[in-house]
Amino acid sequence: MTFLKKKLREIVLFVGEYSFEVAEQSDGFEGQLFEQQVTLLEEAVKVLPHRKHETFRLHRFEGWSKEEVAAELGISAASVSHYLK
C-alpha cells in the first residue's frame, strides 16, 4: 500500500504541473503519456475510501480550496489536509 501511495503522490504532482493546453492539442507521445497518467490517477482514486475519494476529487480535480471542501463535506479543514496526505 505504501508503494501505491507513493506512486499516487508522484502522479498527482505530475498532473498538477502539467499544461492542459498542451495535452489538449497534442496527439503525439506527450498526449498519450498524459492520458495514461490521468487514467492511472483516476483508477487509484477509485479505490480510496469514500470520504477520501470525495475530498481528493473536490480539491485536486475540481480545484476547490481545503476550506470549501471542508464546508461541503461537513468536516474540518484539518481533516481535509489529513485526507490529502
PDB file of N, CA and C in Angstrom:
ATOM      1  N   MET A   1       0.821  -1.189   0.000  1.00  0.00           N
ATOM      2  CA  MET A   1       0.000   0.000   0.000  1.00  0.00           C
ATOM      3  C   MET A   1       0.867   1.257   0.000  1.00  0.00           C
ATOM      4  N   THR A   2       2.006   1.220   0.672  1.00  0.00           N
ATOM      5  CA  THR A   2       2.906   2.361   0.697  1.00  0.00           C
ATOM      6  C   THR A   2       3.387   2.681  -0.719  1.00  0.00           C
ATOM      7  N   PHE A   3       3.665   1.646  -1.507  1.00  0.00           N
ATOM      8  CA  PHE A   3       4.100   1.836  -2.878  1.00  0.00           C
ATOM      9  C   PHE A   3       3.020   2.560  -3.677  1.00  0.00           C
ATOM     10  N   LEU A   4       1.765   2.143  -3.518  1.00  0.00           N
ATOM     11  CA  LEU A   4       0.669   2.786  -4.235  1.00  0.00           C
ATOM     12  C   LEU A   4       0.505   4.243  -3.823  1.00  0.00           C
ATOM     13  N   LYS A   5       0.631   4.530  -2.534  1.00  0.00           N
ATOM     14  CA  LYS A   5       0.537   5.908  -2.069  1.00  0.00           C
ATOM     15  C   LYS A   5       1.639   6.758  -2.679  1.00  0.00           C
ATOM     16  N   LYS A   6       2.848   6.205  -2.738  1.00  0.00           N
ATOM     17  CA  LYS A   6       3.972   6.944  -3.315  1.00  0.00           C
ATOM     18  C   LYS A   6       3.724   7.219  -4.799  1.00  0.00           C
ATOM     19  N   LYS A   7       3.284   6.207  -5.534  1.00  0.00           N
ATOM     20  CA  LYS A   7       3.015   6.382  -6.956  1.00  0.00           C
ATOM     21  C   LYS A   7       1.885   7.383  -7.174  1.00  0.00           C
ATOM     22  N   LEU A   8       0.842   7.300  -6.368  1.00  0.00           N
ATOM     23  CA  LEU A   8      -0.265   8.232  -6.477  1.00  0.00           C
ATOM     24  C   LEU A   8       0.207   9.657  -6.235  1.00  0.00           C
ATOM     25  N   ARG A   9       1.034   9.858  -5.232  1.00  0.00           N
ATOM     26  CA  ARG A   9       1.569  11.182  -4.920  1.00  0.00           C
ATOM     27  C   ARG A   9       2.409  11.712  -6.083  1.00  0.00           C
ATOM     28  N   GLU A  10       3.226  10.849  -6.683  1.00  0.00           N
ATOM     29  CA  GLU A  10       4.048  11.255  -7.825  1.00  0.00           C
ATOM     30  C   GLU A  10       3.171  11.666  -9.003  1.00  0.00           C
ATOM     31  N   ILE A  11       2.118  10.908  -9.258  1.00  0.00           N
ATOM     32  CA  ILE A  11       1.227  11.214 -10.374  1.00  0.00           C
ATOM     33  C   ILE A  11       0.481  12.514 -10.124  1.00  0.00           C
ATOM     34  N   VAL A  12       0.019  12.707  -8.895  1.00  0.00           N
ATOM     35  CA  VAL A  12      -0.697  13.940  -8.558  1.00  0.00           C
ATOM     36  C   VAL A  12       0.204  15.142  -8.786  1.00  0.00           C
ATOM     37  N   LEU A  13       1.448  15.057  -8.358  1.00  0.00           N
ATOM     38  CA  LEU A  13       2.377  16.155  -8.572  1.00  0.00           C
ATOM     39  C   LEU A  13       2.617  16.380 -10.051  1.00  0.00           C
ATOM     40  N   PHE A  14       2.768  15.307 -10.807  1.00  0.00           N
ATOM     41  CA  PHE A  14       2.985  15.411 -12.241  1.00  0.00           C
ATOM     42  C   PHE A  14       1.786  16.059 -12.924  1.00  0.00           C
ATOM     43  N   VAL A  15       0.594  15.575 -12.637  1.00  0.00           N
ATOM     44  CA  VAL A  15      -0.616  16.103 -13.272  1.00  0.00           C
ATOM     45  C   VAL A  15      -0.840  17.549 -12.853  1.00  0.00           C
ATOM     46  N   GLY A  16      -0.553  17.876 -11.602  1.00  0.00           N
ATOM     47  CA  GLY A  16      -0.739  19.242 -11.127  1.00  0.00           C
ATOM     48  C   GLY A  16       0.146  20.246 -11.832  1.00  0.00           C
ATOM     49  N   GLU A  17       1.297  19.806 -12.340  1.00  0.00           N
ATOM     50  CA  GLU A  17       2.229  20.692 -13.028  1.00  0.00           C
ATOM     51  C   GLU A  17       2.070  20.646 -14.546  1.00  0.00           C
ATOM     52  N   TYR A  18       1.225  19.789 -15.033  1.00  0.00           N
ATOM     53  CA  TYR A  18       1.109  19.565 -16.471  1.00  0.00           C
ATOM     54  C   TYR A  18       0.306  20.670 -17.133  1.00  0.00           C
ATOM     55  N   SER A  19       0.709  21.069 -18.308  1.00  0.00           N
ATOM     56  CA  SER A  19      -0.017  22.081 -19.079  1.00  0.00           C
ATOM     57  C   SER A  19      -1.167  21.404 -19.817  1.00  0.00           C
ATOM     58  N   PHE A  20      -2.388  21.700 -19.414  1.00  0.00           N
ATOM     59  CA  PHE A  20      -3.545  21.063 -20.034  1.00  0.00           C
ATOM     60  C   PHE A  20      -3.729  21.508 -21.473  1.00  0.00           C
ATOM     61  N   GLU A  21      -3.297  22.725 -21.825  1.00  0.00           N
ATOM     62  CA  GLU A  21      -3.395  23.190 -23.201  1.00  0.00           C
ATOM     63  C   GLU A  21      -2.552  22.319 -24.112  1.00  0.00           C
ATOM     64  N   VAL A  22      -1.372  21.939 -23.673  1.00  0.00           N
ATOM     65  CA  VAL A  22      -0.503  21.068 -24.469  1.00  0.00           C
ATOM     66  C   VAL A  22      -1.159  19.713 -24.644  1.00  0.00           C
ATOM     67  N   ALA A  23      -1.726  19.184 -23.576  1.00  0.00           N
ATOM     68  CA  ALA A  23      -2.358  17.861 -23.635  1.00  0.00           C
ATOM     69  C   ALA A  23      -3.545  17.863 -24.585  1.00  0.00           C
ATOM     70  N   GLU A  24      -4.321  18.935 -24.588  1.00  0.00           N
ATOM     71  CA  GLU A  24      -5.495  19.001 -25.449  1.00  0.00           C
ATOM     72  C   GLU A  24      -5.105  19.114 -26.918  1.00  0.00           C
ATOM     73  N   GLN A  25      -3.967  19.725 -27.198  1.00  0.00           N
ATOM     74  CA  GLN A  25      -3.556  19.951 -28.574  1.00  0.00           C
ATOM     75  C   GLN A  25      -2.626  18.864 -29.101  1.00  0.00           C
ATOM     76  N   SER A  26      -2.099  18.050 -28.238  1.00  0.00           N
ATOM     77  CA  SER A  26      -1.079  17.085 -28.621  1.00  0.00           C
ATOM     78  C   SER A  26      -1.696  15.732 -28.933  1.00  0.00           C
ATOM     79  N   ASP A  27      -1.377  15.209 -30.127  1.00  0.00           N
ATOM     80  CA  ASP A  27      -1.814  13.866 -30.496  1.00  0.00           C
ATOM     81  C   ASP A  27      -0.669  12.869 -30.402  1.00  0.00           C
ATOM     82  N   GLY A  28       0.511  13.357 -30.085  1.00  0.00           N
ATOM     83  CA  GLY A  28       1.700  12.523 -30.081  1.00  0.00           C
ATOM     84  C   GLY A  28       1.922  11.831 -28.752  1.00  0.00           C
ATOM     85  N   PHE A  29       3.169  11.485 -28.544  1.00  0.00           N
ATOM     86  CA  PHE A  29       3.573  10.746 -27.352  1.00  0.00           C
ATOM     87  C   PHE A  29       3.204  11.486 -26.073  1.00  0.00           C
ATOM     88  N   GLU A  30       3.411  12.796 -26.052  1.00  0.00           N
ATOM     89  CA  GLU A  30       3.137  13.581 -24.844  1.00  0.00           C
ATOM     90  C   GLU A  30       1.655  13.494 -24.462  1.00  0.00           C
ATOM     91  N   GLY A  31       0.778  13.570 -25.442  1.00  0.00           N
ATOM     92  CA  GLY A  31      -0.654  13.456 -25.183  1.00  0.00           C
ATOM     93  C   GLY A  31      -1.031  12.072 -24.681  1.00  0.00           C
ATOM     94  N   GLN A  32      -0.420  11.050 -25.252  1.00  0.00           N
ATOM     95  CA  GLN A  32      -0.682   9.678 -24.816  1.00  0.00           C
ATOM     96  C   GLN A  32      -0.186   9.452 -23.396  1.00  0.00           C
ATOM     97  N   LEU A  33       0.990   9.982 -23.100  1.00  0.00           N
ATOM     98  CA  LEU A  33       1.540   9.854 -21.751  1.00  0.00           C
ATOM     99  C   LEU A  33       0.622  10.530 -20.744  1.00  0.00           C
ATOM    100  N   PHE A  34       0.147  11.714 -21.078  1.00  0.00           N
ATOM    101  CA  PHE A  34      -0.767  12.428 -20.191  1.00  0.00           C
ATOM    102  C   PHE A  34      -2.033  11.613 -19.953  1.00  0.00           C
ATOM    103  N   GLU A  35      -2.613  11.066 -21.005  1.00  0.00           N
ATOM    104  CA  GLU A  35      -3.835  10.272 -20.868  1.00  0.00           C
ATOM    105  C   GLU A  35      -3.601   9.041 -19.989  1.00  0.00           C
ATOM    106  N   GLN A  36      -2.453   8.398 -20.132  1.00  0.00           N
ATOM    107  CA  GLN A  36      -2.132   7.244 -19.296  1.00  0.00           C
ATOM    108  C   GLN A  36      -1.983   7.646 -17.836  1.00  0.00           C
ATOM    109  N   GLN A  37      -1.351   8.785 -17.586  1.00  0.00           N
ATOM    110  CA  GLN A  37      -1.172   9.273 -16.220  1.00  0.00           C
ATOM    111  C   GLN A  37      -2.533   9.575 -15.590  1.00  0.00           C
ATOM    112  N   VAL A  38      -3.404  10.242 -16.338  1.00  0.00           N
ATOM    113  CA  VAL A  38      -4.729  10.589 -15.812  1.00  0.00           C
ATOM    114  C   VAL A  38      -5.537   9.329 -15.540  1.00  0.00           C
ATOM    115  N   THR A  39      -5.478   8.358 -16.433  1.00  0.00           N
ATOM    116  CA  THR A  39      -6.203   7.104 -16.237  1.00  0.00           C
ATOM    117  C   THR A  39      -5.713   6.385 -14.988  1.00  0.00           C
ATOM    118  N   LEU A  40      -4.403   6.310 -14.816  1.00  0.00           N
ATOM    119  CA  LEU A  40      -3.830   5.674 -13.633  1.00  0.00           C
ATOM    120  C   LEU A  40      -4.255   6.398 -12.362  1.00  0.00           C
ATOM    121  N   LEU A  41      -4.234   7.711 -12.404  1.00  0.00           N
ATOM    122  CA  LEU A  41      -4.652   8.510 -11.255  1.00  0.00           C
ATOM    123  C   LEU A  41      -6.122   8.255 -10.926  1.00  0.00           C
ATOM    124  N   GLU A  42      -6.981   8.266 -11.927  1.00  0.00           N
ATOM    125  CA  GLU A  42      -8.408   8.029 -11.693  1.00  0.00           C
ATOM    126  C   GLU A  42      -8.653   6.639 -11.096  1.00  0.00           C
ATOM    127  N   GLU A  43      -7.927   5.638 -11.581  1.00  0.00           N
ATOM    128  CA  GLU A  43      -8.077   4.284 -11.042  1.00  0.00           C
ATOM    129  C   GLU A  43      -7.621   4.214  -9.588  1.00  0.00           C
ATOM    130  N   ALA A  44      -6.537   4.898  -9.276  1.00  0.00           N
ATOM    131  CA  ALA A  44      -6.039   4.895  -7.894  1.00  0.00           C
ATOM    132  C   ALA A  44      -7.019   5.603  -6.969  1.00  0.00           C
ATOM    133  N   VAL A  45      -7.613   6.692  -7.423  1.00  0.00           N
ATOM    134  CA  VAL A  45      -8.558   7.447  -6.595  1.00  0.00           C
ATOM    135  C   VAL A  45      -9.820   6.633  -6.341  1.00  0.00           C
ATOM    136  N   LYS A  46     -10.217   5.816  -7.296  1.00  0.00           N
ATOM    137  CA  LYS A  46     -11.425   4.995  -7.146  1.00  0.00           C
ATOM    138  C   LYS A  46     -11.339   4.028  -5.965  1.00  0.00           C
ATOM    139  N   VAL A  47     -10.147   3.580  -5.625  1.00  0.00           N
ATOM    140  CA  VAL A  47     -10.018   2.595  -4.550  1.00  0.00           C
ATOM    141  C   VAL A  47      -9.887   3.245  -3.171  1.00  0.00           C
ATOM    142  N   LEU A  48      -9.838   4.555  -3.104  1.00  0.00           N
ATOM    143  CA  LEU A  48      -9.782   5.239  -1.812  1.00  0.00           C
ATOM    144  C   LEU A  48     -11.116   5.087  -1.086  1.00  0.00           C
ATOM    145  N   PRO A  49     -11.104   5.131   0.239  1.00  0.00           N
ATOM    146  CA  PRO A  49     -12.371   5.162   0.979  1.00  0.00           C
ATOM    147  C   PRO A  49     -13.204   6.362   0.519  1.00  0.00           C
ATOM    148  N   HIS A  50     -14.517   6.240   0.634  1.00  0.00           N
ATOM    149  CA  HIS A  50     -15.440   7.238   0.077  1.00  0.00           C
ATOM    150  C   HIS A  50     -15.091   8.680   0.473  1.00  0.00           C
ATOM    151  N   ARG A  51     -14.875   8.926   1.746  1.00  0.00           N
ATOM    152  CA  ARG A  51     -14.616  10.297   2.215  1.00  0.00           C
ATOM    153  C   ARG A  51     -13.319  10.845   1.614  1.00  0.00           C
ATOM    154  N   LYS A  52     -12.288  10.012   1.582  1.00  0.00           N
ATOM    155  CA  LYS A  52     -11.019  10.440   0.981  1.00  0.00           C
ATOM    156  C   LYS A  52     -11.166  10.648  -0.522  1.00  0.00           C
ATOM    157  N   HIS A  53     -11.943   9.781  -1.151  1.00  0.00           N
ATOM    158  CA  HIS A  53     -12.204   9.908  -2.584  1.00  0.00           C
ATOM    159  C   HIS A  53     -12.862  11.254  -2.887  1.00  0.00           C
ATOM    160  N   GLU A  54     -13.904  11.581  -2.158  1.00  0.00           N
ATOM    161  CA  GLU A  54     -14.610  12.851  -2.366  1.00  0.00           C
ATOM    162  C   GLU A  54     -13.707  14.050  -2.089  1.00  0.00           C
ATOM    163  N   THR A  55     -12.943  13.974  -1.005  1.00  0.00           N
ATOM    164  CA  THR A  55     -12.022  15.057  -0.653  1.00  0.00           C
ATOM    165  C   THR A  55     -11.007  15.271  -1.766  1.00  0.00           C
ATOM    166  N   PHE A  56     -10.409  14.196  -2.234  1.00  0.00           N
ATOM    167  CA  PHE A  56      -9.410  14.278  -3.289  1.00  0.00           C
ATOM    168  C   PHE A  56     -10.013  14.836  -4.575  1.00  0.00           C
ATOM    169  N   ARG A  57     -11.174  14.315  -4.952  1.00  0.00           N
ATOM    170  CA  ARG A  57     -11.827  14.741  -6.193  1.00  0.00           C
ATOM    171  C   ARG A  57     -12.144  16.235  -6.177  1.00  0.00           C
ATOM    172  N   LEU A  58     -12.742  16.679  -5.075  1.00  0.00           N
ATOM    173  CA  LEU A  58     -13.116  18.093  -4.993  1.00  0.00           C
ATOM    174  C   LEU A  58     -11.893  19.008  -4.986  1.00  0.00           C
ATOM    175  N   HIS A  59     -10.878  18.640  -4.228  1.00  0.00           N
ATOM    176  CA  HIS A  59      -9.704  19.511  -4.100  1.00  0.00           C
ATOM    177  C   HIS A  59      -8.799  19.443  -5.333  1.00  0.00           C
ATOM    178  N   ARG A  60      -8.432  18.245  -5.759  1.00  0.00           N
ATOM    179  CA  ARG A  60      -7.456  18.105  -6.850  1.00  0.00           C
ATOM    180  C   ARG A  60      -8.077  18.218  -8.237  1.00  0.00           C
ATOM    181  N   PHE A  61      -9.238  17.601  -8.442  1.00  0.00           N
ATOM    182  CA  PHE A  61      -9.846  17.613  -9.770  1.00  0.00           C
ATOM    183  C   PHE A  61     -10.711  18.844 -10.001  1.00  0.00           C
ATOM    184  N   GLU A  62     -11.454  19.256  -8.995  1.00  0.00           N
ATOM    185  CA  GLU A  62     -12.368  20.379  -9.153  1.00  0.00           C
ATOM    186  C   GLU A  62     -11.749  21.723  -8.768  1.00  0.00           C
ATOM    187  N   GLY A  63     -10.610  21.680  -8.062  1.00  0.00           N
ATOM    188  CA  GLY A  63      -9.902  22.909  -7.716  1.00  0.00           C
ATOM    189  C   GLY A  63     -10.459  23.662  -6.521  1.00  0.00           C
ATOM    190  N   TRP A  64     -11.267  22.994  -5.697  1.00  0.00           N
ATOM    191  CA  TRP A  64     -11.819  23.644  -4.511  1.00  0.00           C
ATOM    192  C   TRP A  64     -10.714  23.839  -3.477  1.00  0.00           C
ATOM    193  N   SER A  65     -10.844  24.884  -2.677  1.00  0.00           N
ATOM    194  CA  SER A  65      -9.908  25.089  -1.572  1.00  0.00           C
ATOM    195  C   SER A  65     -10.212  24.064  -0.471  1.00  0.00           C
ATOM    196  N   LYS A  66      -9.271  23.889   0.423  1.00  0.00           N
ATOM    197  CA  LYS A  66      -9.476  22.958   1.537  1.00  0.00           C
ATOM    198  C   LYS A  66     -10.655  23.409   2.399  1.00  0.00           C
ATOM    199  N   GLU A  67     -10.792  24.707   2.561  1.00  0.00           N
ATOM    200  CA  GLU A  67     -11.900  25.247   3.365  1.00  0.00           C
ATOM    201  C   GLU A  67     -13.241  24.981   2.688  1.00  0.00           C
ATOM    202  N   GLU A  68     -13.301  25.115   1.363  1.00  0.00           N
ATOM    203  CA  GLU A  68     -14.542  24.842   0.630  1.00  0.00           C
ATOM    204  C   GLU A  68     -14.911  23.365   0.720  1.00  0.00           C
ATOM    205  N   VAL A  69     -13.916  22.500   0.592  1.00  0.00           N
ATOM    206  CA  VAL A  69     -14.155  21.059   0.693  1.00  0.00           C
ATOM    207  C   VAL A  69     -14.669  20.721   2.093  1.00  0.00           C
ATOM    208  N   ALA A  70     -14.026  21.298   3.101  1.00  0.00           N
ATOM    209  CA  ALA A  70     -14.435  21.042   4.486  1.00  0.00           C
ATOM    210  C   ALA A  70     -15.886  21.453   4.709  1.00  0.00           C
ATOM    211  N   ALA A  71     -16.250  22.630   4.221  1.00  0.00           N
ATOM    212  CA  ALA A  71     -17.630  23.114   4.394  1.00  0.00           C
ATOM    213  C   ALA A  71     -18.625  22.211   3.666  1.00  0.00           C
ATOM    214  N   GLU A  72     -18.283  21.797   2.461  1.00  0.00           N
ATOM    215  CA  GLU A  72     -19.171  20.946   1.668  1.00  0.00           C
ATOM    216  C   GLU A  72     -19.382  19.577   2.316  1.00  0.00           C
ATOM    217  N   LEU A  73     -18.314  19.010   2.855  1.00  0.00           N
ATOM    218  CA  LEU A  73     -18.402  17.664   3.432  1.00  0.00           C
ATOM    219  C   LEU A  73     -18.717  17.664   4.924  1.00  0.00           C
ATOM    220  N   GLY A  74     -18.758  18.842   5.525  1.00  0.00           N
ATOM    221  CA  GLY A  74     -19.077  18.927   6.946  1.00  0.00           C
ATOM    222  C   GLY A  74     -17.969  18.402   7.845  1.00  0.00           C
ATOM    223  N   ILE A  75     -16.723  18.630   7.423  1.00  0.00           N
ATOM    224  CA  ILE A  75     -15.569  18.206   8.209  1.00  0.00           C
ATOM    225  C   ILE A  75     -14.645  19.403   8.399  1.00  0.00           C
ATOM    226  N   SER A  76     -13.639  19.258   9.228  1.00  0.00           N
ATOM    227  CA  SER A  76     -12.714  20.365   9.460  1.00  0.00           C
ATOM    228  C   SER A  76     -11.683  20.449   8.331  1.00  0.00           C
ATOM    229  N   ALA A  77     -11.083  21.625   8.183  1.00  0.00           N
ATOM    230  CA  ALA A  77     -10.020  21.814   7.192  1.00  0.00           C
ATOM    231  C   ALA A  77      -8.825  20.926   7.532  1.00  0.00           C
ATOM    232  N   ALA A  78      -8.603  20.691   8.818  1.00  0.00           N
ATOM    233  CA  ALA A  78      -7.518  19.795   9.246  1.00  0.00           C
ATOM    234  C   ALA A  78      -7.777  18.365   8.754  1.00  0.00           C
ATOM    235  N   SER A  79      -9.033  17.948   8.794  1.00  0.00           N
ATOM    236  CA  SER A  79      -9.373  16.608   8.268  1.00  0.00           C
ATOM    237  C   SER A  79      -9.129  16.536   6.778  1.00  0.00           C
ATOM    238  N   VAL A  80      -9.489  17.590   6.076  1.00  0.00           N
ATOM    239  CA  VAL A  80      -9.239  17.627   4.633  1.00  0.00           C
ATOM    240  C   VAL A  80      -7.740  17.479   4.373  1.00  0.00           C
ATOM    241  N   SER A  81      -6.929  18.229   5.088  1.00  0.00           N
ATOM    242  CA  SER A  81      -5.472  18.144   4.924  1.00  0.00           C
ATOM    243  C   SER A  81      -4.979  16.732   5.218  1.00  0.00           C
ATOM    244  N   HIS A  82      -5.530  16.120   6.258  1.00  0.00           N
ATOM    245  CA  HIS A  82      -5.140  14.749   6.618  1.00  0.00           C
ATOM    246  C   HIS A  82      -5.525  13.767   5.511  1.00  0.00           C
ATOM    247  N   TYR A  83      -6.711  13.916   4.952  1.00  0.00           N
ATOM    248  CA  TYR A  83      -7.166  13.012   3.886  1.00  0.00           C
ATOM    249  C   TYR A  83      -6.320  13.145   2.631  1.00  0.00           C
ATOM    250  N   LEU A  84      -5.739  14.310   2.409  1.00  0.00           N
ATOM    251  CA  LEU A  84      -4.959  14.540   1.188  1.00  0.00           C
ATOM    252  C   LEU A  84      -3.509  14.085   1.303  1.00  0.00           C
ATOM    253  N   LYS A  85      -3.094  13.619   2.484  1.00  0.00           N
ATOM    254  CA  LYS A  85      -1.711  13.143   2.651  1.00  0.00           C
ATOM    255  C   LYS A  85      -1.489  11.865   1.907  1.00  0.00           C
TER     256      LYS A  85
END
